[in-house]
Protein backbone atom coordinates (compact mmCIF):
# COMPACT_ATOMS: atom_id res chain seq x y z
CA MET A 1 0.00 0.00 0.00
CA ALA A 2 1.37 3.42 -0.92
CA GLN A 3 2.42 5.63 1.97
CA LEU A 4 0.10 8.63 2.29
CA PHE A 5 1.55 11.94 3.37
CA PRO A 6 0.21 13.20 6.74
CA GLU A 7 -1.91 15.91 5.07
CA GLN A 8 -3.42 13.32 2.70
CA GLN A 9 -4.17 10.94 5.59
CA HIS A 10 -5.85 13.72 7.56
CA SER A 11 -7.89 14.89 4.58
CA ALA A 12 -9.00 11.34 3.74
CA GLN A 13 -10.13 10.74 7.33
CA GLN A 14 -12.08 13.99 7.40
CA LYS A 15 -13.82 13.15 4.15
CA LEU A 16 -14.68 9.65 5.36
CA ALA A 17 -16.12 10.98 8.65
CA GLN A 18 -18.31 13.48 6.79
CA GLN A 19 -19.60 10.81 4.38
CA LEU A 20 -20.35 8.39 7.20
CA PHE A 21 -22.15 11.11 9.14
CA GLU A 22 -24.46 11.86 6.22
CA GLN A 23 -25.19 8.14 5.82
CA GLN A 24 -25.98 7.68 9.52
CA PHE A 25 -27.90 10.86 10.28
CA GLN A 26 -29.17 12.05 6.86
CA ARG A 27 -27.71 15.49 7.36
CA VAL A 28 -24.39 17.32 7.06
CA ALA A 29 -22.14 17.35 10.14
CA GLU A 30 -21.80 20.73 11.85
CA LEU A 31 -18.09 20.13 12.38
CA VAL A 32 -15.27 17.63 11.99
CA CYS A 33 -12.45 17.56 14.52
CA TYR A 34 -9.35 15.49 15.13
CA ALA A 35 -7.03 14.45 17.95
CA PRO A 36 -3.72 12.65 17.40
CA GLY A 37 -2.34 9.54 18.98
CA ARG A 38 1.14 9.64 20.41
CA VAL A 39 4.38 7.81 20.75
CA ASN A 40 6.57 8.18 23.80
CA LEU A 41 10.22 8.64 22.83
CA ILE A 42 11.41 7.97 26.39
CA GLY A 43 9.98 7.99 29.91
CA ASP A 44 7.71 4.98 30.40
CA HIS A 45 5.88 4.27 33.67
CA THR A 46 7.14 7.58 35.03
CA ASP A 47 3.96 9.60 34.46
CA TYR A 48 1.91 8.12 37.31
CA ASN A 49 4.95 8.56 39.52
CA ASP A 50 4.87 12.38 39.04
CA GLY A 51 7.92 12.07 36.80
CA PHE A 52 9.09 13.17 33.34
CA VAL A 53 7.99 11.86 29.95
CA LEU A 54 9.04 12.80 26.42
CA PRO A 55 6.18 12.01 24.00
CA THR A 56 5.30 13.41 20.61
CA ALA A 57 1.88 13.56 18.93
CA ILE A 58 1.84 11.53 15.70
CA ASN A 59 -0.05 11.69 12.41
CA TYR A 60 -2.36 8.82 13.34
CA GLY A 61 -5.46 9.85 15.24
CA THR A 62 -9.21 9.94 15.80
CA THR A 63 -11.59 11.97 13.65
CA ILE A 64 -15.10 12.83 14.82
CA ALA A 65 -17.91 14.33 12.76
CA ALA A 66 -20.55 15.86 15.03
CA SER A 67 -23.71 17.89 15.36
CA THR A 68 -25.72 19.16 18.32
CA ARG A 69 -29.06 17.80 19.50
CA GLU A 70 -31.92 19.52 21.30
CA ASP A 71 -32.27 16.67 23.81
CA ASN A 72 -29.75 14.93 26.11
CA LEU A 73 -29.21 11.87 23.93
CA VAL A 74 -25.79 11.00 22.57
CA LYS A 75 -25.84 8.81 19.47
CA VAL A 76 -22.48 7.41 18.40
CA TYR A 77 -21.55 5.43 15.32
CA ALA A 78 -18.09 3.82 15.68
CA HIS A 79 -16.93 2.92 12.19
CA ASP A 80 -13.83 1.01 13.29
CA CYS A 81 -15.53 -0.99 16.06
CA ASP A 82 -17.48 -3.34 13.76
CA GLN A 83 -19.62 -0.37 12.68
CA GLN A 84 -21.47 -0.45 15.99
CA THR A 85 -23.85 2.24 17.20
CA ASN A 86 -24.53 3.21 20.78
CA GLU A 87 -27.12 5.54 22.25
CA PHE A 88 -27.38 6.85 25.80
CA SER A 89 -28.72 9.80 27.78
CA LEU A 90 -26.41 12.25 29.52
CA ASN A 91 -28.79 11.90 32.49
CA GLU A 92 -28.24 8.15 32.76
CA ILE A 93 -24.64 7.16 32.07
CA SER A 94 -23.74 3.58 32.97
CA PHE A 95 -20.89 1.21 32.14
CA ASP A 96 -21.49 -1.05 29.13
CA GLN A 97 -19.93 -4.53 29.36
CA GLN A 98 -20.87 -5.41 25.76
CA MET A 99 -19.61 -2.33 23.87
CA MET A 100 -16.41 -1.52 25.72
CA TRP A 101 -15.47 1.26 23.27
CA SER A 102 -18.60 3.20 24.27
CA ASN A 103 -17.27 3.56 27.81
CA TYR A 104 -14.62 6.00 26.58
CA VAL A 105 -17.40 8.24 25.28
CA LYS A 106 -19.53 7.81 28.38
CA GLY A 107 -16.71 8.28 30.87
CA THR A 108 -15.39 11.35 29.07
CA LEU A 109 -18.80 13.02 28.93
CA GLN A 110 -19.60 12.12 32.54
CA ALA A 111 -16.35 13.86 33.60
CA LEU A 112 -17.07 16.82 31.27
CA ILE A 113 -20.58 17.37 32.69
CA LYS A 114 -19.11 17.86 36.18
CA LYS A 115 -17.33 20.98 34.88
CA HIS A 116 -19.78 22.08 32.18
CA HIS A 117 -23.37 21.35 33.27
CA ASP A 118 -25.16 22.98 30.35
CA ILE A 119 -24.17 20.71 27.47
CA LYS A 120 -26.82 18.78 25.59
CA GLY A 121 -26.60 15.66 23.46
CA ALA A 122 -24.91 15.13 20.12
CA ASN A 123 -24.80 12.91 17.06
CA LEU A 124 -21.27 11.56 16.57
CA VAL A 125 -19.45 9.54 13.95
CA VAL A 126 -16.04 8.27 15.00
CA THR A 127 -13.30 6.91 12.77
CA GLY A 128 -9.58 6.63 13.35
CA ASN A 129 -6.34 5.04 12.25
CA VAL A 130 -4.48 4.67 15.56
CA PRO A 131 -3.81 0.93 15.88
CA GLN A 132 -5.73 -0.31 18.92
CA GLY A 133 -3.87 -2.18 21.66
CA ALA A 134 -0.49 -1.13 20.25
CA GLY A 135 0.52 1.41 22.89
CA LEU A 136 0.05 4.44 20.62
CA SER A 137 -2.79 5.76 22.74
CA SER A 138 -5.90 5.22 20.69
CA SER A 139 -7.97 5.71 23.87
CA ALA A 140 -6.55 9.14 24.76
CA SER A 141 -6.88 10.23 21.13
CA PHE A 142 -10.55 9.15 21.29
CA GLU A 143 -11.17 11.03 24.57
CA ILE A 144 -9.52 14.26 23.41
CA ALA A 145 -11.38 14.15 20.07
CA ILE A 146 -14.69 13.83 21.97
CA LEU A 147 -13.78 16.78 24.18
CA LYS A 148 -12.72 18.86 21.17
CA ALA A 149 -16.03 18.08 19.45
CA PHE A 150 -18.14 19.07 22.47
CA SER A 151 -16.04 22.16 23.20
CA GLN A 152 -16.70 23.38 19.64
CA LEU A 153 -20.34 22.28 19.47
CA TYR A 154 -21.21 24.10 22.70
CA GLN A 155 -18.53 26.85 22.70
CA LEU A 156 -17.06 25.61 25.99
CA ASP A 157 -14.22 27.41 27.73
CA LEU A 158 -11.98 24.35 27.68
CA ASP A 159 -8.21 24.50 27.32
CA GLY A 160 -5.86 21.64 26.51
CA ILE A 161 -4.66 20.96 30.04
CA SER A 162 -8.24 20.89 31.40
CA ALA A 163 -9.24 18.57 28.56
CA ALA A 164 -6.32 16.25 29.35
CA LEU A 165 -7.33 16.09 33.02
CA ILE A 166 -10.93 15.27 32.08
CA GLY A 167 -9.76 12.51 29.72
CA GLN A 168 -7.51 11.05 32.41
CA GLN A 169 -10.36 11.17 34.93
CA ALA A 170 -12.59 9.26 32.51
CA GLU A 171 -10.01 6.54 32.11
CA ASN A 172 -9.17 6.31 35.83
CA ASP A 173 -12.66 6.53 37.31
CA PHE A 174 -14.95 5.12 34.62
CA VAL A 175 -12.97 2.82 32.31
CA GLY A 176 -10.83 1.50 35.16
CA CYS A 177 -7.27 2.03 33.94
CA ASN A 178 -4.99 3.95 36.29
CA CYS A 179 -3.15 5.80 33.50
CA GLY A 180 -1.13 8.94 34.11
CA ILE A 181 -1.68 12.27 32.34
CA MET A 182 0.83 11.92 29.49
CA ASP A 183 -1.35 10.40 26.75
CA GLN A 184 -4.16 12.89 27.00
CA LEU A 185 -1.90 15.92 27.40
CA ILE A 186 0.27 15.26 24.36
CA SER A 187 -2.85 14.53 22.26
CA ALA A 188 -4.24 17.89 23.35
CA MET A 189 -1.08 20.02 23.44
CA GLY A 190 1.56 18.53 21.13
CA GLN A 191 3.47 20.89 18.83
CA GLN A 192 4.13 20.04 15.20
CA GLY A 193 7.69 18.85 14.56
CA HIS A 194 8.47 18.67 18.29
CA ALA A 195 8.65 16.32 21.23
CA MET A 196 7.38 17.52 24.61
CA LEU A 197 9.14 17.05 27.94
CA LEU A 198 6.20 16.96 30.32
CA ASP A 199 6.60 17.27 34.07
CA CYS A 200 3.72 15.12 35.29
CA LYS A 201 3.91 16.63 38.77
CA ASP A 202 2.91 20.20 37.85
CA LEU A 203 1.92 19.69 34.18
CA SER A 204 4.52 22.19 32.97
CA PHE A 205 6.11 21.27 29.65
CA GLU A 206 8.90 22.23 27.31
CA ASP A 207 9.02 21.48 23.59
CA ALA A 208 12.15 20.34 21.76
CA PRO A 209 12.43 20.14 17.97
CA ILE A 210 12.95 16.71 16.48
CA PRO A 211 15.91 17.16 14.09
CA ALA A 212 14.69 17.35 10.48
CA ASN A 213 16.96 14.51 9.38
CA LEU A 214 15.28 12.01 11.75
CA THR A 215 12.15 9.93 11.12
CA LEU A 216 9.83 8.51 13.78
CA PHE A 217 9.84 4.82 12.93
CA ILE A 218 7.31 2.71 14.85
CA VAL A 219 6.87 -1.05 14.65
CA ASN A 220 3.86 -2.78 16.16
CA SER A 221 4.96 -6.22 17.37
CA ASN A 222 1.30 -7.28 17.04
CA VAL A 223 1.51 -8.98 20.40
CA LYS A 224 -1.90 -7.93 21.66
CA ARG A 225 -2.36 -6.64 25.17
CA GLY A 226 -4.80 -4.55 27.15
CA LEU A 227 -3.74 -1.92 29.68
CA VAL A 228 -6.83 -2.43 31.81
CA ASP A 229 -5.33 -5.51 33.39
CA SER A 230 -3.76 -6.64 36.62
CA GLU A 231 -0.13 -6.25 35.51
CA TYR A 232 -0.29 -2.53 34.72
CA ASN A 233 -2.17 -1.66 37.90
CA LEU A 234 0.16 -3.93 39.91
CA ARG A 235 3.21 -1.96 38.69
CA ARG A 236 1.55 1.23 39.87
CA GLU A 237 0.82 -0.28 43.28
CA GLN A 238 4.43 -1.45 43.59
CA CYS A 239 5.72 2.06 42.87
CA GLU A 240 3.32 3.50 45.44
CA GLN A 241 4.59 1.03 48.04
CA VAL A 242 8.17 2.27 47.63
CA ALA A 243 7.04 5.92 47.78
CA GLU A 244 5.18 5.09 51.00
CA HIS A 245 8.33 3.43 52.37
CA PHE A 246 10.15 6.75 51.96
CA GLY A 247 7.19 8.77 53.27
CA VAL A 248 6.72 10.72 50.03
CA SER A 249 3.74 11.17 47.70
CA ALA A 250 5.45 9.68 44.62
CA LEU A 251 8.75 8.20 43.43
CA ARG A 252 9.58 11.55 41.82
CA GLU A 253 10.65 12.66 45.32
CA VAL A 254 13.17 9.82 45.76
CA SER A 255 16.74 10.03 44.43
CA LEU A 256 18.80 7.07 43.22
CA THR A 257 21.21 7.70 46.10
CA GLN A 258 18.38 7.43 48.64
CA LEU A 259 17.05 4.29 47.00
CA ASN A 260 20.44 2.56 46.92
CA ALA A 261 21.17 3.54 50.53
CA ASP A 262 17.98 1.83 51.70
CA LYS A 263 18.26 -1.21 49.41
CA GLU A 264 18.46 -3.74 52.27
CA HIS A 265 15.12 -2.57 53.68
CA ILE A 266 13.17 -2.82 50.42
CA ASP A 267 11.79 -5.96 48.81
CA PRO A 268 14.12 -6.81 45.86
CA GLU A 269 11.30 -6.72 43.30
CA LEU A 270 10.02 -3.36 44.57
CA PHE A 271 13.59 -2.03 44.52
CA LYS A 272 13.92 -2.90 40.82
CA ARG A 273 10.60 -1.22 39.99
CA ALA A 274 11.66 1.98 41.74
CA ARG A 275 15.14 1.94 40.18
CA HIS A 276 13.58 1.89 36.73
CA VAL A 277 11.33 4.89 37.43
CA ILE A 278 14.03 7.03 39.04
CA SER A 279 16.65 6.31 36.34
CA GLU A 280 14.06 6.76 33.56
CA ASN A 281 13.26 10.27 34.83
CA ALA A 282 16.92 11.21 34.46
CA ARG A 283 17.05 9.74 30.95
CA ALA A 284 13.98 11.71 29.82
CA VAL A 285 15.50 15.01 30.97
CA ALA A 286 18.86 14.17 29.37
CA THR A 287 17.16 13.25 26.07
CA LEU A 288 15.38 16.61 25.87
CA LYS A 289 18.73 18.37 26.11
CA ALA A 290 20.27 16.00 23.56
CA LEU A 291 17.41 16.65 21.11
CA LYS A 292 17.98 20.39 21.36
CA ASN A 293 21.67 19.83 20.60
CA ASN A 294 20.98 17.23 17.88
CA ASP A 295 23.20 14.88 19.90
CA MET A 296 22.18 11.50 18.48
CA ALA A 297 24.91 9.54 20.28
CA THR A 298 23.51 10.54 23.69
CA ILE A 299 19.92 9.84 22.59
CA SER A 300 20.98 6.41 21.29
CA VAL A 301 22.51 5.41 24.63
CA ALA A 302 19.55 6.75 26.63
CA MET A 303 17.04 4.78 24.54
CA LYS A 304 19.14 1.62 24.83
CA GLU A 305 19.36 1.99 28.62
CA SER A 306 15.64 2.72 28.84
CA HIS A 307 14.75 -0.50 27.06
CA ALA A 308 17.12 -2.55 29.22
CA SER A 309 15.58 -1.02 32.34
CA LEU A 310 12.03 -1.76 31.16
CA ARG A 311 13.10 -5.32 30.38
CA ASP A 312 15.12 -6.14 33.49
CA ASP A 313 13.87 -3.84 36.27
CA PHE A 314 10.25 -3.16 35.34
CA GLU A 315 9.74 -6.45 33.48
CA VAL A 316 7.17 -5.24 30.97
CA THR A 317 8.80 -6.21 27.65
CA THR A 318 8.21 -9.39 25.67
CA LYS A 319 10.60 -11.58 23.69
CA GLU A 320 9.13 -10.07 20.51
CA LEU A 321 9.77 -6.47 21.64
CA ASP A 322 13.29 -7.39 22.75
CA GLY A 323 13.91 -9.06 19.38
CA LEU A 324 12.71 -6.04 17.41
CA VAL A 325 14.88 -3.67 19.45
CA GLU A 326 17.92 -5.89 18.98
CA MET A 327 17.55 -6.21 15.20
CA ILE A 328 16.94 -2.46 14.69
CA ALA A 329 19.79 -1.47 17.04
CA LYS A 330 22.24 -3.58 15.03
CA VAL A 331 21.45 -1.52 11.94
CA LEU A 332 21.38 1.90 13.63
CA GLY A 333 24.37 1.73 15.94
CA ALA A 334 24.94 5.21 17.42
CA LYS A 335 23.24 6.92 14.44
CA GLY A 336 19.76 6.35 15.89
CA GLY A 337 17.93 5.07 18.92
CA VAL A 338 15.36 2.33 19.56
CA ARG A 339 13.34 1.08 22.53
CA MET A 340 10.07 -0.41 23.62
CA THR A 341 7.39 2.26 24.04
CA GLY A 342 4.11 2.44 25.92
CA GLY A 343 2.81 0.32 28.77
CA GLY A 344 4.52 -2.85 27.65
CA PHE A 345 3.36 -6.49 27.61
CA GLY A 346 3.23 -6.18 23.81
CA GLY A 347 2.63 -3.19 21.59
CA CYS A 348 5.29 -1.17 19.83
CA VAL A 349 8.91 -0.21 19.61
CA VAL A 350 9.88 3.31 18.60
CA ALA A 351 13.04 4.27 16.77
CA LEU A 352 14.55 7.59 15.82
CA VAL A 353 16.02 6.76 12.44
CA PRO A 354 18.06 8.94 10.09
CA THR A 355 15.80 9.41 7.06
CA THR A 356 18.53 7.99 4.81
CA MET A 357 18.40 4.69 6.77
CA VAL A 358 14.62 4.18 6.90
CA GLU A 359 14.47 1.66 4.02
CA GLN A 360 17.39 -0.29 5.48
CA VAL A 361 15.70 -0.57 8.89
CA LYS A 362 12.38 -1.46 7.27
CA ASP A 363 14.01 -4.27 5.27
CA VAL A 364 15.61 -5.76 8.38
CA VAL A 365 12.30 -5.83 10.25
CA GLU A 366 10.33 -7.23 7.31
CA ASN A 367 12.93 -9.89 6.52
CA ASN A 368 13.56 -11.11 10.07
CA TYR A 369 10.71 -10.48 12.50
CA GLU A 370 8.07 -12.84 11.13
CA LYS A 371 10.68 -15.52 10.45
CA GLU A 372 11.83 -15.39 14.07
CA PHE A 373 8.55 -14.82 15.95
CA GLY A 374 5.75 -15.97 13.64
CA LEU A 375 4.00 -12.59 13.68
CA LYS A 376 3.68 -10.02 10.91
CA PRO A 377 5.00 -6.59 11.98
CA SER A 378 3.11 -3.39 11.21
CA ILE A 379 5.40 -0.48 10.38
CA TYR A 380 4.39 3.17 10.74
CA ILE A 381 6.52 5.98 9.35
CA CYS A 382 5.39 8.95 11.41
CA THR A 383 5.74 12.69 11.72
CA ALA A 384 5.27 14.79 14.85
CA THR A 385 1.96 16.57 14.54
CA GLN A 386 -0.16 19.24 16.27
CA GLY A 387 -2.34 18.55 19.30
CA ALA A 388 -6.12 19.12 19.21
CA PHE A 389 -6.07 22.11 21.57
CA ARG A 390 -2.65 23.62 20.67
């Protein structure tokens, strides 16, 4: 399949959403809006520990065509979820065990109503191209697109940070995944051509340009996994236990020196979890500086160390992710960087690849991954794009 340029992808998605809306509701949509997915260059499992992350919004996202209603009904057609439709009242929002995707709409709107009581219902058509279950944040993209649609439909005073907090609340309190703030905030506030160092403690952020000669190269291992599971929430609990041991609110407040000094009094598994988070924070900050200086050698080492830490200390990689990282790293050397990205237990690896080496890296993955692991890889050549509220 021919690679579409980001502008072409975006335009095609908009057109599709408008066509689907007319088919479903026999009228023209009042608006079409979009929110991107994201890839995290470095800083995994640090966000819910009040730490640092370095994501970038990518040119794969969720498009929603929408119009207002006079009543409180919300009617949603989800084109990519087996073309299912769901209808509910804003006055009676309840969890749906059958149509799990609808809970992202319901949870987001339930959280929005707490801040903006006057909204009414809407007709919505949703379509997107963020691969689901890959760790590229299809759920946050979905939530932010819903919030963008309602903020425009009802002229709400809603900024990107507030939208991100509402999306996170929906996922934490309604969907049941204890995610941090990163996914929603980068989808809302990403800057084109840049990565964002986000301080998850105070939500301050700093953008750093991704050098023009580098390509965001993402490979989905196609090992399926869900974040709303015991392993992800267990890691969070383990981190909280170590923070409690030190009498602080989050691991952000603990230094590596403090951790090492108290090693004998901490369960070995908990120690490893905390060591990952604390060292990963330092790597995220160092990578921001290296990006600004176009210092690929430093970025390469940081990404390598990050993957090793996620594999050995946090234990969230898989043999397939480790294999992908190894085969890509052999090609790149110090000219690029590669690591697992996202929550882990499957999903994607991300690489920063010199544009001149993209075909070479692609060939290595296509020629070796399926042969070794029996799974077809999905490759995404990405650009850093603009957030929905930026």
